[in-house]
Protein backbone atom coordinates (compact mmCIF):
# COMPACT_ATOMS: atom_id res chain seq x y z
CA UNK A 1 18.65 -17.03 5.03
CA UNK A 2 21.82 -18.54 6.46
CA UNK A 3 25.22 -17.27 5.44
CA UNK A 4 27.27 -19.53 3.21
CA UNK A 5 30.28 -18.76 5.45
CA UNK A 6 30.19 -20.84 8.62
CA UNK A 7 32.20 -18.27 10.62
CA UNK A 8 30.08 -15.63 12.43
CA UNK A 9 30.08 -12.20 10.83
CA UNK A 10 28.66 -8.90 12.05
CA UNK A 11 27.30 -6.46 9.44
CA UNK A 12 25.81 -3.00 9.93
CA UNK A 13 23.23 -2.23 7.24
CA UNK A 14 22.55 1.52 6.79
CA UNK A 15 19.72 2.93 4.68
CA UNK A 16 19.90 6.66 3.90
CA UNK A 17 16.68 8.58 3.28
CA UNK A 18 16.29 12.36 2.87
CA UNK A 19 15.14 12.66 6.51
CA UNK A 20 16.49 9.73 8.53
CA UNK A 21 19.30 7.20 8.81
CA UNK A 22 18.04 3.66 9.46
CA UNK A 23 20.66 1.18 10.75
CA UNK A 24 20.31 -2.54 11.53
CA UNK A 25 23.07 -4.60 13.20
CA UNK A 26 23.03 -8.17 11.86
CA UNK A 27 24.99 -11.24 13.04
CA UNK A 28 25.24 -14.04 10.46
CA UNK A 29 26.42 -17.63 10.87
CA UNK A 30 25.76 -21.08 9.46
CA UNK A 31 22.71 -21.42 11.74
CA UNK A 32 20.98 -18.29 10.43
CA UNK A 33 20.87 -14.51 10.75
CA UNK A 34 20.08 -12.63 13.95
CA UNK A 35 19.16 -8.94 14.26
CA UNK A 36 21.07 -7.61 17.28
CA UNK A 37 20.06 -3.96 17.31
CA UNK A 38 18.21 -1.25 15.37
CA UNK A 39 19.13 2.45 15.40
CA UNK A 40 17.50 5.56 13.89
CA UNK A 41 19.16 8.96 13.54
CA UNK A 42 18.08 12.20 11.77
CA UNK A 43 19.87 12.77 8.44
CA UNK A 44 20.55 16.49 9.10
CA UNK A 45 21.62 17.96 12.45
CA UNK A 46 21.99 21.69 13.07
CA UNK A 47 21.92 24.10 15.97
CA UNK A 48 23.34 23.72 19.49
CA UNK A 49 22.00 22.16 22.63
CA UNK A 50 20.35 24.34 25.30
CA UNK A 51 20.59 23.47 28.98
CA UNK A 52 18.09 24.10 31.75
CA UNK A 53 20.37 26.76 33.29
CA UNK A 54 19.57 29.03 30.32
CA UNK A 55 15.89 29.08 31.40
CA UNK A 56 16.21 28.98 35.21
CA UNK A 57 15.86 32.74 35.68
CA UNK A 58 13.00 33.36 33.24
CA UNK A 59 10.74 30.29 33.37
CA UNK A 60 8.61 29.19 36.33
CA UNK A 61 8.93 25.73 37.82
CA UNK A 62 12.72 25.61 37.41
CA UNK A 63 13.75 26.22 41.05
CA UNK A 64 11.13 24.99 43.51
CA UNK A 65 8.39 22.41 43.48
CA UNK A 66 5.79 25.09 44.37
CA UNK A 67 5.84 26.31 40.75
CA UNK A 68 5.37 22.92 39.08
CA UNK A 69 1.65 23.24 38.18
CA UNK A 70 1.43 25.92 35.46
CA UNK A 71 0.99 26.49 31.73
CA UNK A 72 3.75 28.09 29.68
CA UNK A 73 2.57 30.47 26.94
CA UNK A 74 4.94 31.38 24.08
CA UNK A 75 3.85 34.29 21.92
CA UNK A 76 0.55 36.18 21.98
CA UNK A 77 -1.65 33.11 21.58
CA UNK A 78 -3.02 33.99 18.11
CA UNK A 79 -2.00 32.74 14.68
CA UNK A 80 -0.67 36.07 13.35
CA UNK A 81 2.96 34.92 13.05
CA UNK A 82 5.33 37.19 11.16
CA UNK A 83 7.40 35.10 8.79
CA UNK A 84 9.67 38.10 8.21
CA UNK A 85 11.15 37.46 11.65
CA UNK A 86 14.80 36.31 11.26
CA UNK A 87 14.27 33.37 13.62
CA UNK A 88 11.41 31.99 11.50
CA UNK A 89 13.40 32.62 8.34
CA UNK A 90 16.23 30.49 9.78
CA UNK A 91 13.74 27.68 10.38
CA UNK A 92 12.63 27.81 6.75
CA UNK A 93 16.02 27.73 5.09
CA UNK A 94 17.10 24.61 3.26
CA UNK A 95 20.32 23.13 4.59
CA UNK A 96 21.08 21.13 1.47
CA UNK A 97 23.74 22.84 -0.62
CA UNK A 98 23.30 22.30 -4.31
CA UNK A 99 25.92 20.09 -5.90
CA UNK A 100 27.80 19.23 -2.69
CA UNK A 101 27.59 16.27 -0.31
CA UNK A 102 25.96 16.66 3.12
CA UNK A 103 28.00 14.58 5.56
CA UNK A 104 26.55 12.58 8.45
CA UNK A 105 29.79 12.02 10.37
CA UNK A 106 28.35 12.69 13.84
CA UNK A 107 25.41 10.33 13.34
CA UNK A 108 27.61 7.51 11.97
CA UNK A 109 30.07 7.94 14.85
CA UNK A 110 27.20 7.56 17.34
CA UNK A 111 25.90 4.45 15.54
CA UNK A 112 29.35 2.79 15.46
CA UNK A 113 29.92 3.60 19.14
CA UNK A 114 26.57 2.03 20.00
CA UNK A 115 27.52 -1.09 18.00
CA UNK A 116 30.83 -1.20 19.88
CA UNK A 117 28.97 -1.16 23.20
CA UNK A 118 26.51 -3.79 21.98
CA UNK A 119 28.93 -6.36 20.53
CA UNK A 120 32.43 -5.22 21.53
CA UNK A 121 33.57 -5.08 17.89
CA UNK A 122 33.32 -2.92 14.80
CA UNK A 123 31.03 -4.43 12.12
CA UNK A 124 31.36 -4.47 8.35
CA UNK A 125 29.53 -1.56 6.74
CA UNK A 126 26.85 -1.85 4.03
CA UNK A 127 25.01 1.24 2.74
CA UNK A 128 21.88 1.63 0.62
CA UNK A 129 21.42 5.05 -1.03
CA UNK A 130 19.10 6.72 -3.48
CA UNK A 131 18.88 10.17 -5.00
CA UNK A 132 20.56 12.61 -4.66
CA UNK A 133 23.53 10.35 -3.81
CA UNK A 134 23.15 8.32 -7.01
CA UNK A 135 21.71 8.92 -10.48
CA UNK A 136 19.83 6.33 -12.57
CA UNK A 137 20.60 6.57 -16.31
CA UNK A 138 18.93 4.22 -18.80
CA UNK A 139 21.20 3.33 -21.74
CA UNK A 140 20.77 1.45 -25.00
CA UNK A 141 23.84 -0.27 -26.44
CA UNK A 142 24.30 -2.35 -29.55
CA UNK A 143 24.02 -6.10 -29.14
CA UNK A 144 27.29 -6.47 -31.04
CA UNK A 145 29.15 -4.59 -28.30
CA UNK A 146 28.25 -7.07 -25.55
CA UNK A 147 28.25 -10.82 -25.22
CA UNK A 148 24.59 -11.83 -24.99
CA UNK A 149 25.34 -15.18 -23.32
CA UNK A 150 27.52 -13.80 -20.51
CA UNK A 151 26.29 -10.25 -20.10
CA UNK A 152 23.47 -11.17 -17.72
CA UNK A 153 25.59 -13.53 -15.63
CA UNK A 154 28.49 -11.17 -14.90
CA UNK A 155 28.75 -8.82 -11.93
CA UNK A 156 27.42 -5.32 -12.33
CA UNK A 157 30.84 -3.69 -11.79
CA UNK A 158 32.47 -2.20 -14.87
CA UNK A 159 35.81 -3.90 -14.09
CA UNK A 160 34.24 -7.33 -14.74
CA UNK A 161 33.46 -6.42 -18.37
CA UNK A 162 35.69 -6.95 -21.36
CA UNK A 163 37.50 -3.98 -22.88
CA UNK A 164 34.99 -3.69 -25.74
CA UNK A 165 32.05 -3.80 -23.35
CA UNK A 166 33.66 -1.17 -21.12
CA UNK A 167 34.21 1.16 -24.05
CA UNK A 168 30.65 0.72 -25.35
CA UNK A 169 29.03 1.23 -21.94
CA UNK A 170 31.13 4.30 -21.03
CA UNK A 171 30.57 5.92 -24.45
CA UNK A 172 26.81 5.44 -24.09
CA UNK A 173 26.90 6.85 -20.54
CA UNK A 174 28.90 9.94 -21.56
CA UNK A 175 26.41 10.62 -24.34
CA UNK A 176 23.38 10.35 -22.02
CA UNK A 177 24.82 11.84 -18.79
CA UNK A 178 26.27 15.37 -18.83
CA UNK A 179 27.79 15.53 -15.32
CA UNK A 180 31.30 14.21 -14.62
CA UNK A 181 31.63 10.76 -13.06
CA UNK A 182 34.23 8.26 -11.86
CA UNK A 183 34.30 5.30 -14.25
CA UNK A 184 35.71 2.98 -11.56
CA UNK A 185 32.62 3.53 -9.40
CA UNK A 186 29.91 3.07 -12.03
CA UNK A 187 27.76 -0.08 -12.04
CA UNK A 188 25.44 -1.40 -14.75
CA UNK A 189 22.27 -3.44 -14.22
CA UNK A 190 20.90 -5.30 -17.27
CA UNK A 191 17.28 -4.53 -18.24
CA UNK A 192 14.72 -6.43 -20.25
CA UNK A 193 15.01 -5.76 -23.98
CA UNK A 194 12.42 -6.28 -26.69
CA UNK A 195 14.51 -5.41 -29.74
CA UNK A 196 17.97 -6.41 -30.92
CA UNK A 197 19.74 -3.73 -28.81
CA UNK A 198 20.54 -4.14 -25.11
CA UNK A 199 19.00 -1.91 -22.42
CA UNK A 200 21.15 -1.18 -19.36
CA UNK A 201 20.52 0.88 -16.20
CA UNK A 202 23.65 2.79 -15.17
CA UNK A 203 24.12 3.53 -11.46
CA UNK A 204 26.27 6.67 -11.20
CA UNK A 205 27.41 8.24 -7.89
CA UNK A 206 26.85 12.00 -8.05
CA UNK A 207 28.71 14.92 -6.50
CA UNK A 208 26.18 14.82 -3.65
CA UNK A 209 27.14 11.23 -2.74
CA UNK A 210 27.76 11.53 1.01
CA UNK A 211 28.88 8.06 2.13
CA UNK A 212 32.47 8.15 0.83
CA UNK A 213 33.38 11.63 2.20
CA UNK A 214 31.71 10.74 5.50
CA UNK A 215 33.84 7.60 5.87
CA UNK A 216 36.98 9.55 4.96
CA UNK A 217 36.19 12.26 7.53
CA UNK A 218 35.51 9.63 10.17
CA UNK A 219 38.62 7.59 9.31
CA UNK A 220 40.77 10.70 9.83
CA UNK A 221 40.07 10.45 13.58
CA UNK A 222 39.24 6.74 13.92
CA UNK A 223 41.39 4.21 12.05
CA UNK A 224 38.99 1.31 12.78
CA UNK A 225 36.29 2.73 10.46
CA UNK A 226 37.65 1.08 7.29
CA UNK A 227 36.52 -2.47 8.04
CA UNK A 228 37.19 -5.70 6.16
CA UNK A 229 34.21 -5.35 3.80
CA UNK A 230 32.25 -2.33 2.63
CA UNK A 231 29.25 -2.17 0.31
CA UNK A 232 27.48 0.75 -1.34
CA UNK A 233 24.28 -0.36 -3.09
CA UNK A 234 21.27 1.55 -4.47
CA UNK A 235 17.56 1.19 -3.87
CA UNK A 236 16.79 0.31 -7.50
CA UNK A 237 19.34 -2.51 -7.78
CA UNK A 238 18.62 -3.82 -4.27
CA UNK A 239 14.85 -3.88 -4.80
CA UNK A 240 15.30 -5.59 -8.17
CA UNK A 241 17.35 -8.31 -6.52
CA UNK A 242 14.80 -8.69 -3.68
CA UNK A 243 11.88 -8.96 -6.10
CA UNK A 244 13.69 -11.59 -8.15
CA UNK A 245 14.81 -13.72 -5.18
CA UNK A 246 11.99 -13.26 -2.65
CA UNK A 247 9.07 -13.56 -5.10
CA UNK A 248 10.73 -15.72 -7.81
CA UNK A 249 8.20 -14.80 -10.54
CA UNK A 250 7.84 -16.80 -13.73
CA UNK A 251 9.47 -15.48 -16.88
CA UNK A 252 6.15 -14.26 -18.30
CA UNK A 253 4.90 -12.61 -15.09
CA UNK A 254 5.09 -8.87 -14.32
CA UNK A 255 6.03 -7.52 -10.87
CA UNK A 256 5.52 -3.95 -9.65
CA UNK A 257 7.82 -2.77 -6.84
CA UNK A 258 6.55 0.31 -4.96
CA UNK A 259 8.66 2.18 -2.40
CA UNK A 260 6.72 5.13 -0.91
CA UNK A 261 8.80 7.67 1.03
CA UNK A 262 8.32 11.05 2.67
CA UNK A 263 9.87 12.89 -0.30
CA UNK A 264 9.05 10.77 -3.37
CA UNK A 265 7.99 7.34 -4.61
CA UNK A 266 10.16 4.82 -6.48
CA UNK A 267 8.33 2.57 -8.95
CA UNK A 268 9.92 -0.46 -10.65
CA UNK A 269 8.41 -2.85 -13.19
CA UNK A 270 10.00 -6.29 -13.73
CA UNK A 271 9.31 -8.90 -16.37
CA UNK A 272 10.20 -12.19 -14.77
CA UNK A 273 13.43 -11.44 -12.90
CA UNK A 274 14.59 -8.71 -15.32
CA UNK A 275 14.15 -5.00 -14.66
CA UNK A 276 12.04 -3.30 -17.33
CA UNK A 277 11.18 0.24 -16.14
CA UNK A 278 12.37 2.62 -13.39
CA UNK A 279 10.24 5.64 -12.53
CA UNK A 280 10.63 8.24 -9.76
CA UNK A 281 7.43 10.07 -8.79
CA UNK A 282 8.49 13.20 -6.93
CA UNK A 283 4.94 14.49 -6.53
CA UNK A 284 3.77 11.30 -4.78
CA UNK A 285 4.72 10.83 -1.12
CA UNK A 286 3.66 8.84 1.94
CA UNK A 287 1.35 11.68 2.93
CA UNK A 288 -0.90 11.10 -0.09
CA UNK A 289 -3.95 8.80 0.22
CA UNK A 290 -3.43 5.13 -0.57
CA UNK A 291 -6.02 5.35 -3.36
CA UNK A 292 -3.98 8.08 -5.05
CA UNK A 293 -0.84 5.96 -4.97
CA UNK A 294 -2.64 2.97 -6.48
CA UNK A 295 -4.14 5.17 -9.21
CA UNK A 296 -0.71 6.54 -10.18
CA UNK A 297 0.68 3.01 -10.44
CA UNK A 298 -2.23 2.10 -12.71
CA UNK A 299 -1.56 5.21 -14.81
CA UNK A 300 2.08 4.26 -15.37
CA UNK A 301 1.08 0.68 -16.10
CA UNK A 302 -1.11 1.96 -18.93
CA UNK A 303 1.62 4.36 -20.07
CA UNK A 304 4.16 1.54 -20.41
CA UNK A 305 1.48 -0.70 -22.02
CA UNK A 306 1.77 -3.40 -19.41
CA UNK A 307 -1.23 -5.71 -19.62
CA UNK A 308 -1.42 -7.50 -16.28
CA UNK A 309 0.35 -7.18 -12.92
CA UNK A 310 0.92 -10.56 -11.26
CA UNK A 311 2.88 -9.46 -8.18
CA UNK A 312 3.12 -6.22 -6.15
CA UNK A 313 6.03 -5.76 -3.71
CA UNK A 314 5.66 -2.94 -1.15
CA UNK A 315 9.21 -2.05 -0.13
CA UNK A 316 9.21 -0.37 3.26
CA UNK A 317 7.15 2.39 4.87
CA UNK A 318 4.87 2.93 7.87
CA UNK A 319 1.77 2.68 5.65
CA UNK A 320 2.55 -0.65 3.98
CA UNK A 321 -0.38 -2.30 5.77
CA UNK A 322 -2.89 0.23 4.42
CA UNK A 323 -1.27 0.18 0.97
CA UNK A 324 -1.47 -3.62 0.88
CA UNK A 325 -5.24 -3.48 1.43
CA UNK A 326 -5.68 -0.89 -1.34
CA UNK A 327 -3.48 -2.73 -3.84
CA UNK A 328 -5.36 -5.97 -3.16
CA UNK A 329 -8.57 -4.10 -4.00
CA UNK A 330 -7.11 -2.48 -7.17
CA UNK A 331 -5.28 -5.64 -8.35
CA UNK A 332 -7.63 -8.42 -7.33
CA UNK A 333 -5.78 -10.98 -9.48
CA UNK A 334 -2.29 -10.05 -8.21
CA UNK A 335 -0.40 -11.26 -5.13
CA UNK A 336 0.62 -8.41 -2.82
CA UNK A 337 3.86 -8.89 -0.87
CA UNK A 338 5.31 -6.74 1.94
CA UNK A 339 9.10 -6.59 2.02
CA UNK A 340 9.26 -6.33 5.81
CA UNK A 341 7.34 -9.62 6.21
CA UNK A 342 9.42 -11.41 3.59
CA UNK A 343 12.77 -10.50 5.16
CA UNK A 344 11.81 -11.87 8.58
CA UNK A 345 11.71 -15.49 7.44
CA UNK A 346 12.44 -18.65 9.38
CA UNK A 347 16.23 -18.15 9.19
CA UNK A 348 16.15 -14.59 10.60
CA UNK A 349 15.61 -14.08 14.34
CA UNK A 350 15.31 -10.94 16.47
CA UNK A 351 17.46 -10.26 19.50
CA UNK A 352 16.21 -9.32 22.95
CA UNK A 353 14.21 -6.06 22.99
CA UNK A 354 14.62 -5.65 19.19
CA UNK A 355 11.63 -4.67 17.07
CA UNK A 356 11.72 -3.96 13.34
CA UNK A 357 9.31 -1.70 11.48
CA UNK A 358 8.84 -1.50 7.69
CA UNK A 359 11.13 1.57 7.68
CA UNK A 360 14.09 -0.68 8.53
CA UNK A 361 13.46 -3.12 5.68
CA UNK A 362 16.08 -1.74 3.27
CA UNK A 363 18.72 -1.54 6.03
CA UNK A 364 18.19 -5.23 6.85
CA UNK A 365 18.12 -6.14 3.15
CA UNK A 366 21.44 -4.44 2.33
CA UNK A 367 23.08 -6.12 5.35
CA UNK A 368 21.95 -9.53 4.09
CA UNK A 369 22.94 -8.58 0.54
CA UNK A 370 26.53 -7.88 1.63
CA UNK A 371 26.89 -11.35 3.14
CA UNK A 372 25.43 -13.24 0.18
CA UNK A 373 27.67 -12.20 -2.78
CA UNK A 374 26.65 -8.64 -3.78
CA UNK A 375 26.98 -7.68 -7.45
CA UNK A 376 26.64 -3.88 -7.09
CA UNK A 377 29.24 -1.92 -5.12
CA UNK A 378 29.65 1.77 -5.94
CA UNK A 379 32.69 2.15 -3.68
CA UNK A 380 34.87 0.83 -6.47
CA UNK A 381 37.92 -1.39 -6.31
CA UNK A 382 40.30 1.31 -5.06
CA UNK A 383 38.08 3.11 -2.58
CA UNK A 384 39.79 2.99 0.83
CA UNK A 385 39.43 5.39 3.71
CA UNK A 386 42.36 4.30 5.86
CA UNK A 387 45.73 5.89 4.89
CA UNK A 388 48.64 3.54 4.33
CA UNK A 389 51.36 3.47 6.98
CA UNK A 390 54.77 4.83 5.91
CA UNK A 391 57.43 2.22 5.18
CA UNK A 392 60.26 4.06 6.96
CA UNK A 393 60.63 6.06 10.19
CA UNK A 394 60.43 9.80 9.44
CA UNK A 395 62.53 12.47 11.18
CA UNK A 396 59.61 13.79 13.21
CA UNK A 397 59.13 10.31 14.71
CA UNK A 398 62.70 10.38 16.03
CA UNK A 399 62.14 13.89 17.42
CA UNK A 400 59.01 12.80 19.27
CA UNK A 401 60.81 9.75 20.73
CA UNK A 402 63.69 11.96 21.95
CA UNK A 403 61.22 14.35 23.54
CA UNK A 404 59.44 11.48 25.29
CA UNK A 405 62.79 10.16 26.61
CA UNK A 406 63.72 13.60 28.00
CA UNK A 407 60.32 13.97 29.68
CA UNK A 408 60.56 10.48 31.22
CA UNK A 409 64.09 11.22 32.51
CA UNK A 410 63.00 14.53 34.07
CA UNK A 411 59.95 13.14 35.86
CA UNK A 412 61.90 10.04 36.99
CA UNK A 413 64.49 12.27 38.64
CA UNK A 414 61.75 14.33 40.30
CA UNK A 415 60.12 11.14 41.57
CA UNK A 416 63.34 9.98 43.25
CA UNK A 417 63.77 13.41 44.89
CA UNK A 418 60.22 13.29 46.29
CA UNK A 419 60.78 9.75 47.60
CA UNK A 420 63.89 10.92 49.46
CA UNK A 421 62.02 13.86 51.03
CA UNK A 422 59.18 11.58 52.15
CA UNK A 423 61.68 9.17 53.74
CA UNK A 424 63.28 12.03 55.68
CA UNK A 425 59.90 13.23 57.00
CA UNK A 426 58.96 9.70 58.06
CA UNK A 427 62.27 9.30 59.92
CA UNK A 428 61.75 12.61 61.73
CA UNK A 429 58.25 11.61 62.86
CA UNK A 430 59.57 8.25 64.07
CA UNK A 431 62.03 10.02 66.38
CA UNK A 432 59.27 12.25 67.87
CA UNK A 433 56.07 10.12 68.02
CA UNK A 434 52.72 11.81 68.66
CA UNK A 435 51.07 10.79 71.91
CA UNK A 436 47.56 9.35 71.64
CA UNK A 437 44.86 10.87 73.89
CA UNK A 438 44.22 8.85 77.04
CA UNK A 439 40.47 8.20 77.17
CA UNK A 440 38.60 5.62 79.20
CA UNK A 441 36.28 3.14 77.46
CA UNK A 442 33.27 4.87 79.07
CA UNK A 443 34.26 8.21 77.54
CA UNK A 444 34.74 6.65 74.10
CA UNK A 445 31.32 4.95 74.34
CA UNK A 446 29.65 8.27 75.19
CA UNK A 447 31.33 9.90 72.16
CA UNK A 448 30.22 7.07 69.83
CA UNK A 449 26.63 7.27 71.13
CA UNK A 450 26.64 11.02 70.48
CA UNK A 451 27.81 10.50 66.88
CA UNK A 452 25.15 7.85 66.28
CA UNK A 453 22.45 10.20 67.58
CA UNK A 454 23.61 12.95 65.21
CA UNK A 455 23.63 10.40 62.33
CA UNK A 456 20.02 9.39 63.05
CA UNK A 457 18.99 13.06 63.14
CA UNK A 458 20.57 13.69 59.72
CA UNK A 459 18.91 10.55 58.31
CA UNK A 460 15.43 11.69 59.39
CA UNK A 461 16.13 15.16 57.94
CA UNK A 462 17.16 13.65 54.59
CA UNK A 463 13.92 11.63 54.40
CA UNK A 464 11.99 14.89 54.85
CA UNK A 465 14.21 16.52 52.19
CA UNK A 466 13.47 13.65 49.79
CA UNK A 467 9.73 14.19 50.13
CA UNK A 468 10.15 17.90 49.36
CA UNK A 469 12.50 17.48 46.41
CA UNK A 470 10.63 14.75 44.50
CA UNK A 471 9.60 16.30 41.21
CA UNK A 472 11.28 19.65 41.87
CA UNK A 473 13.67 19.31 38.92
CA UNK A 474 11.26 17.35 36.72
CA UNK A 475 10.35 20.42 34.67
CA UNK A 476 14.00 21.42 34.16
CA UNK A 477 14.80 17.88 32.96
CA UNK A 478 11.85 17.97 30.55
CA UNK A 479 12.92 21.39 29.20
CA UNK A 480 16.52 20.24 28.78
CA UNK A 481 15.55 16.96 27.07
CA UNK A 482 13.08 18.65 24.69
CA UNK A 483 15.50 21.47 23.83
CA UNK A 484 18.27 19.01 22.96
CA UNK A 485 15.99 17.05 20.62
CA UNK A 486 14.44 20.10 18.97
CA UNK A 487 17.94 21.48 18.40
CA UNK A 488 18.62 18.50 16.15
CA UNK A 489 15.40 18.90 14.13
CA UNK A 490 14.70 22.07 12.11
CA UNK A 491 11.34 23.63 11.37
CA UNK A 492 9.57 23.28 14.75
CA UNK A 493 8.62 25.86 17.39
CA UNK A 494 6.37 25.62 20.44
CA UNK A 495 3.48 27.90 21.39
CA UNK A 496 2.19 26.28 24.57
CA UNK A 497 3.38 23.87 27.26
CA UNK A 498 1.15 22.36 29.96
CA UNK A 499 1.46 19.58 32.51
CA UNK A 500 -0.97 17.21 34.17
CA UNK A 501 -0.74 14.12 36.39
CA UNK A 502 1.02 11.82 33.91
CA UNK A 503 1.90 13.72 30.69
CA UNK A 504 3.33 16.96 29.33
CA UNK A 505 1.26 18.56 26.58
CA UNK A 506 3.17 20.44 23.82
CA UNK A 507 1.47 22.72 21.29
CA UNK A 508 3.27 24.41 18.42
CA UNK A 509 3.85 24.59 14.67
CA UNK A 510 5.98 22.60 12.24
CA UNK A 511 7.05 23.52 8.72
CA UNK A 512 7.22 19.84 7.68
CA UNK A 513 5.23 16.87 8.82
CA UNK A 514 8.33 14.68 8.64
CA UNK A 515 10.05 16.92 11.21
CA UNK A 516 7.08 16.50 13.58
CA UNK A 517 7.19 12.71 13.10
CA UNK A 518 10.91 12.64 13.95
CA UNK A 519 10.35 14.77 17.09
CA UNK A 520 7.43 12.61 18.27
CA UNK A 521 9.43 9.43 17.78
CA UNK A 522 12.46 10.85 19.66
CA UNK A 523 10.30 12.00 22.62
CA UNK A 524 8.31 8.73 22.75
CA UNK A 525 5.22 10.91 22.52
CA UNK A 526 1.82 10.68 20.84
CA UNK A 527 0.37 13.07 18.24
CA UNK A 528 -3.05 14.15 19.53
CA UNK A 529 -3.88 16.69 16.83
CA UNK A 530 -2.35 17.77 13.49
CA UNK A 531 -3.75 20.45 11.18
CA UNK A 532 -2.40 22.61 8.43
CA UNK A 533 -2.73 26.31 7.72
CA UNK A 534 -1.24 28.95 5.45
CA UNK A 535 0.70 31.73 7.13
CA UNK A 536 1.49 34.57 4.73
CA UNK A 537 1.66 32.13 1.84
CA UNK A 538 3.72 29.49 3.62
CA UNK A 539 2.37 26.11 4.72
CA UNK A 540 2.56 25.40 8.50
CA UNK A 541 1.18 22.53 10.55
CA UNK A 542 -0.25 23.28 14.04
CA UNK A 543 0.13 20.22 16.26
CA UNK A 544 -0.59 18.92 19.74
CA UNK A 545 1.54 16.09 21.17
CA UNK A 546 1.68 14.52 24.61
CA UNK A 547 4.89 13.24 26.24
CA UNK A 548 4.90 10.95 29.32
CA UNK A 549 6.30 12.48 32.49
CA UNK A 550 9.51 11.12 33.99
CA UNK A 551 9.36 11.43 37.79
CA UNK A 552 12.40 10.43 39.81
CA UNK A 553 14.60 11.68 42.64
CA UNK A 554 17.15 14.39 41.75
CA UNK A 555 20.77 13.30 41.49
CA UNK A 556 21.84 15.49 44.41
CA UNK A 557 19.25 13.80 46.65
CA UNK A 558 20.47 10.35 45.67
CA UNK A 559 24.06 11.37 46.43
CA UNK A 560 23.21 12.82 49.86
CA UNK A 561 21.11 9.79 50.66
CA UNK A 562 23.97 7.38 49.94
CA UNK A 563 26.40 9.37 52.07
CA UNK A 564 23.93 9.69 54.98
CA UNK A 565 23.04 5.98 55.07
CA UNK A 566 26.74 4.98 55.30
CA UNK A 567 27.56 4.78 59.06
CA UNK A 568 30.82 6.40 60.22
CA UNK A 569 33.66 4.08 61.18
CA UNK A 570 33.88 3.32 64.91
CA UNK A 571 37.22 2.63 66.52
CA UNK A 572 37.28 0.53 69.68
CA UNK A 573 39.93 0.86 72.35
CA UNK A 574 40.62 -2.08 74.64
CA UNK A 575 41.00 -1.44 78.40
CA UNK A 576 44.53 -1.65 79.78
C-alpha cells in the first residue's frame, strides 16, 4: 500500500508482547513501502554479563587446546533439584511489579541505534500495545448523547467529540472503570449495536503503560528521541481496522479475528466492518493444540449466538500455518486469512537479507497504520518527551561560558610556552649536529640481509603458532556468548555441556517454554528435545539444544600475523 505522501518517510513499528519486543523499520514513498530491517529484543532484561575470565581457573578447555574435547557436568546428574536453594528461588521470582510500568529503555536504545546505523536517521515511532499497558472497557451510552450520523465517521480521540459527547462518554467510563485515568489519552472505538443505545469500546492506558515513561527516560539522555510523529495504538483497534480494510467483508458477514500469543489469546468478532465483541482468553495460549483453540472459538461463537462465520483472520504467531489448516477444517464454509500474508502485498517489498515471520505482523501493521491516517493515538495531544528550551540565558550558562574562557586562556598560554621551549631545543641541536655512522654499502647490505633472515624466521614461527592456536579460545568464546545471552533471559539453568565436530550440545532446565524459545532464537540453535516434569510441585522443562560451533583464529593471532607480514623499512645509502 503506497503512502499518500510522495516524500519518503521512515517509520519504526514496535509491537510489545509480554515476552518480546518486535520492531520493523519501514520506508514509505509514492512508489510503495519497503521493509528495511527487522529487530527482536526480550521484553525484560535482568542480571549482569559474565566474561570468560570468571571461568578460566575452574573450567577445562579455557587455556589450551589440549582440553577442548570434554563434557562439562553441572550438578550431580540426577533430577533431585532443591527449589529451596536461593539461586533457584531467584530464577522463579516474577519481575513484574503490580501496578507500575516496566520500562524497556535499554532495548529501545539498542533498536534506535541499529536504525541509525542502517539508515543514518532517526525514524518516526509507532507502538502497538495490549494488556497490561491498556485496558478494554465496553460502554453503553444513550443514542441521544451522540450524533448517530457523525459518530462513526469521527476519529477515535476524545478531543474530536462535541462537549456533550465528551461528557456522556467520560461519565459512562467513570461508572464502569474504577481505576484513575487521563481523559486526554482515552480513545473510543464504536461497536455494532442492536438496540437504540450505542455500544463503545474504551481504550484506557493503565498505570502499567510502559511506552510513555520509557520515551521520557530515553529523551532525558537523547534529545532526538521525540520525533516528528508518534503513535500509540492497541491490538484490538489495530486488528479491527485490518479486518475491515484487508478483508472488506459485506455488511451482513461475520469475521472472527484470532491472535494467539504465549500468554493469552485475543478474540474479536466483527459484523461487517463494525466491532461486535472483544474477548481475552487467558487460559488459551500458543502452547495449546490447534484443535483446542478452534473449539474455544466455536464455544464463544455459540455463547454470543453468532450463526455463521464467513471470515477468519489469524493475526500473527509462529503456528498460524497449523491454525489455518484446523480452522479450514472446523469452518469449511469460511475463508481463512493470515495477517502476515495479507500485509506483504504487491506494494510492500523486503530489503536485502530481510525476512518477516508472522510474529512481526503487528509491528509492520502499526508502522503502515501511522502513515495512512491513524484514528487511535493514546499518546494524547499534549504528550511530548522533549523538554522545551528556555527563552532566556540563565546565570549558570554565563558561569559555564566564563569557565570555558578561562580554561581556553590557560591552555593557550601553556601551548605558547611549550612552542618556545621546542624552538630553543631545535636551535641547540642545529648548532651541534649529530654525526651519522660511516658505513659502506656492503656493510649496510649485510645488515639488511640479516634483518630479512630474522623476519623470515619469525614468519615461519607464526605459521606454526597459528596451527596450534586455532580453536584454543573457541570454548571461552562460546561460554562468554552463552553467559551474556542467558543473563538477559530468566528461568534457565544448564546441567550438561558437550562438544562434537560441528556443534555444542546444551542440556538443562527452563521454568518457561517461552524463555527457552527466546534463548534458542538468540543462539541460532535447534531444540532437539523438550520435556516437562514437576519438581517439588513446580513445573520445569528439561531440554536439549544444539548450537553451531564458531571456529576462527584468535584476535591475538590475527594481530601478530599482521605485524609479522609487514616488512621493516629499508634505508638505502648511496656510495660517495
